[in-house]
Amino acid sequence: MKHRYLEVTYRKGKPIAAYLYLPRDVGAAAVRNEDAGNGLRIDYDAQGRALGIELTAPRLATVEQLNAVMLMLGQEPVQAQEWAPLEAA
């Protein structure tokens, strides 16, 4: 996967979970995860590369919190259009 994307799971019109997929090699699999605070968890592959960020409480998460994690991982900040599915909910 070459591009990141945000996947949001809804129940009764409310987001209950979200996952930001980061660019990764085909077949890459998470072998560990790390708590990043504020309901954010980072999945890593066996080589220590970040594969994605789980938002365990998407209604409480902020784009600023997520972008702080993105900066820590050396990733570009999340843009408004990427965050839009959670803003609309």
C-alpha atoms as a PDB file:
ATOM      1  CA  MET A   1       0.000   0.000   0.000  1.00  0.00           C
ATOM      2  CA  LYS A   2       1.515   3.284  -1.087  1.00  0.00           C
ATOM      3  CA  HIS A   3      -0.951   5.780   0.372  1.00  0.00           C
ATOM      4  CA  ARG A   4      -2.331   6.170   3.852  1.00  0.00           C
ATOM      5  CA  TYR A   5      -6.040   6.245   4.523  1.00  0.00           C
ATOM      6  CA  LEU A   6      -8.408   6.458   7.455  1.00  0.00           C
ATOM      7  CA  GLU A   7     -10.978   3.709   7.936  1.00  0.00           C
ATOM      8  CA  VAL A   8     -13.857   4.460  10.307  1.00  0.00           C
ATOM      9  CA  THR A   9     -16.332   1.938  11.712  1.00  0.00           C
ATOM     10  CA  TYR A  10     -19.757   3.299  12.614  1.00  0.00           C
ATOM     11  CA  ARG A  11     -22.612   1.961  14.696  1.00  0.00           C
ATOM     12  CA  LYS A  12     -25.954   3.769  14.555  1.00  0.00           C
ATOM     13  CA  GLY A  13     -24.266   6.655  12.766  1.00  0.00           C
ATOM     14  CA  LYS A  14     -21.592   7.176  15.440  1.00  0.00           C
ATOM     15  CA  PRO A  15     -17.905   6.286  15.008  1.00  0.00           C
ATOM     16  CA  ILE A  16     -16.885   3.472  17.346  1.00  0.00           C
ATOM     17  CA  ALA A  17     -13.415   2.727  15.973  1.00  0.00           C
ATOM     18  CA  ALA A  18     -10.975   4.137  13.452  1.00  0.00           C
ATOM     19  CA  TYR A  19      -7.659   3.066  11.972  1.00  0.00           C
ATOM     20  CA  LEU A  20      -5.174   5.176  10.036  1.00  0.00           C
ATOM     21  CA  TYR A  21      -3.329   2.860   7.651  1.00  0.00           C
ATOM     22  CA  LEU A  22       0.202   4.070   6.891  1.00  0.00           C
ATOM     23  CA  PRO A  23       2.139   3.228   3.709  1.00  0.00           C
ATOM     24  CA  ARG A  24       3.603  -0.264   3.972  1.00  0.00           C
ATOM     25  CA  ASP A  25       5.017  -3.144   1.989  1.00  0.00           C
ATOM     26  CA  VAL A  26       2.612  -5.735   0.642  1.00  0.00           C
ATOM     27  CA  GLY A  27       2.212  -8.490   3.202  1.00  0.00           C
ATOM     28  CA  ALA A  28       3.506  -6.449   6.147  1.00  0.00           C
ATOM     29  CA  ALA A  29       1.949  -7.586   9.408  1.00  0.00           C
ATOM     30  CA  ALA A  30       1.804  -6.067  12.857  1.00  0.00           C
ATOM     31  CA  VAL A  31       3.774  -7.941  15.488  1.00  0.00           C
ATOM     32  CA  ARG A  32       3.466  -5.453  18.343  1.00  0.00           C
ATOM     33  CA  ASN A  33       1.628  -2.315  19.304  1.00  0.00           C
ATOM     34  CA  GLU A  34       2.380   0.591  21.574  1.00  0.00           C
ATOM     35  CA  ASP A  35       0.155   2.954  23.518  1.00  0.00           C
ATOM     36  CA  ALA A  36       0.627   6.520  22.265  1.00  0.00           C
ATOM     37  CA  GLY A  37      -1.799   8.069  24.766  1.00  0.00           C
ATOM     38  CA  ASN A  38      -5.195   9.675  24.258  1.00  0.00           C
ATOM     39  CA  GLY A  39      -6.709   6.441  22.943  1.00  0.00           C
ATOM     40  CA  LEU A  40      -4.125   6.079  20.156  1.00  0.00           C
ATOM     41  CA  ARG A  41      -2.216   2.820  19.594  1.00  0.00           C
ATOM     42  CA  ILE A  42       0.576   2.333  17.042  1.00  0.00           C
ATOM     43  CA  ASP A  43       1.055  -0.992  15.247  1.00  0.00           C
ATOM     44  CA  TYR A  44       4.604  -1.966  14.223  1.00  0.00           C
ATOM     45  CA  ASP A  45       5.996  -4.684  11.958  1.00  0.00           C
ATOM     46  CA  ALA A  46       8.909  -6.992  12.829  1.00  0.00           C
ATOM     47  CA  GLN A  47      11.428  -4.387  11.595  1.00  0.00           C
ATOM     48  CA  GLY A  48       9.943  -1.686  13.850  1.00  0.00           C
ATOM     49  CA  ARG A  49       8.198   0.249  11.078  1.00  0.00           C
ATOM     50  CA  ALA A  50       4.870   1.837  11.965  1.00  0.00           C
ATOM     51  CA  LEU A  51       2.026   0.255   9.990  1.00  0.00           C
ATOM     52  CA  GLY A  52      -0.923   2.161  11.356  1.00  0.00           C
ATOM     53  CA  ILE A  53      -2.550   3.985  14.222  1.00  0.00           C
ATOM     54  CA  GLU A  54      -5.687   2.743  15.930  1.00  0.00           C
ATOM     55  CA  LEU A  55      -8.041   5.346  17.379  1.00  0.00           C
ATOM     56  CA  THR A  56      -9.778   3.432  20.146  1.00  0.00           C
ATOM     57  CA  ALA A  57     -12.054   6.360  21.047  1.00  0.00           C
ATOM     58  CA  PRO A  58     -12.457   8.239  17.756  1.00  0.00           C
ATOM     59  CA  ARG A  59     -15.102  10.621  19.096  1.00  0.00           C
ATOM     60  CA  LEU A  60     -12.631  11.843  21.727  1.00  0.00           C
ATOM     61  CA  ALA A  61      -9.493  11.954  19.582  1.00  0.00           C
ATOM     62  CA  THR A  62      -8.337  15.207  18.041  1.00  0.00           C
ATOM     63  CA  VAL A  63      -6.427  15.843  14.867  1.00  0.00           C
ATOM     64  CA  GLU A  64      -3.809  17.636  16.972  1.00  0.00           C
ATOM     65  CA  GLN A  65      -3.230  14.498  19.076  1.00  0.00           C
ATOM     66  CA  LEU A  66      -2.990  12.340  15.981  1.00  0.00           C
ATOM     67  CA  ASN A  67      -0.603  14.770  14.290  1.00  0.00           C
ATOM     68  CA  ALA A  68       1.657  14.761  17.350  1.00  0.00           C
ATOM     69  CA  VAL A  69       1.984  10.979  16.911  1.00  0.00           C
ATOM     70  CA  MET A  70       2.503  11.390  13.163  1.00  0.00           C
ATOM     71  CA  LEU A  71       5.344  13.843  13.845  1.00  0.00           C
ATOM     72  CA  MET A  72       6.904  11.413  16.320  1.00  0.00           C
ATOM     73  CA  LEU A  73       6.796   8.719  13.594  1.00  0.00           C
ATOM     74  CA  GLY A  74       8.314  11.014  10.959  1.00  0.00           C
ATOM     75  CA  GLN A  75       5.089  11.084   8.963  1.00  0.00           C
ATOM     76  CA  GLU A  76       3.375  14.019   7.277  1.00  0.00           C
ATOM     77  CA  PRO A  77       0.516  15.540   9.305  1.00  0.00           C
ATOM     78  CA  VAL A  78      -3.029  14.407   8.644  1.00  0.00           C
ATOM     79  CA  GLN A  79      -4.795  16.790   6.273  1.00  0.00           C
ATOM     80  CA  ALA A  80      -8.325  18.142   6.753  1.00  0.00           C
ATOM     81  CA  GLN A  81      -9.776  15.917   4.014  1.00  0.00           C
ATOM     82  CA  GLU A  82      -8.317  12.808   5.696  1.00  0.00           C
ATOM     83  CA  TRP A  83      -9.832  13.772   9.055  1.00  0.00           C
ATOM     84  CA  ALA A  84     -13.206  14.776   7.534  1.00  0.00           C
ATOM     85  CA  PRO A  85     -15.001  11.429   8.171  1.00  0.00           C
ATOM     86  CA  LEU A  86     -14.473  11.885  11.915  1.00  0.00           C
ATOM     87  CA  GLU A  87     -15.310  15.599  11.904  1.00  0.00           C
ATOM     88  CA  ALA A  88     -18.630  14.889  10.207  1.00  0.00           C
ATOM     89  CA  ALA A  89     -19.654  12.263  12.767  1.00  0.00           C
END
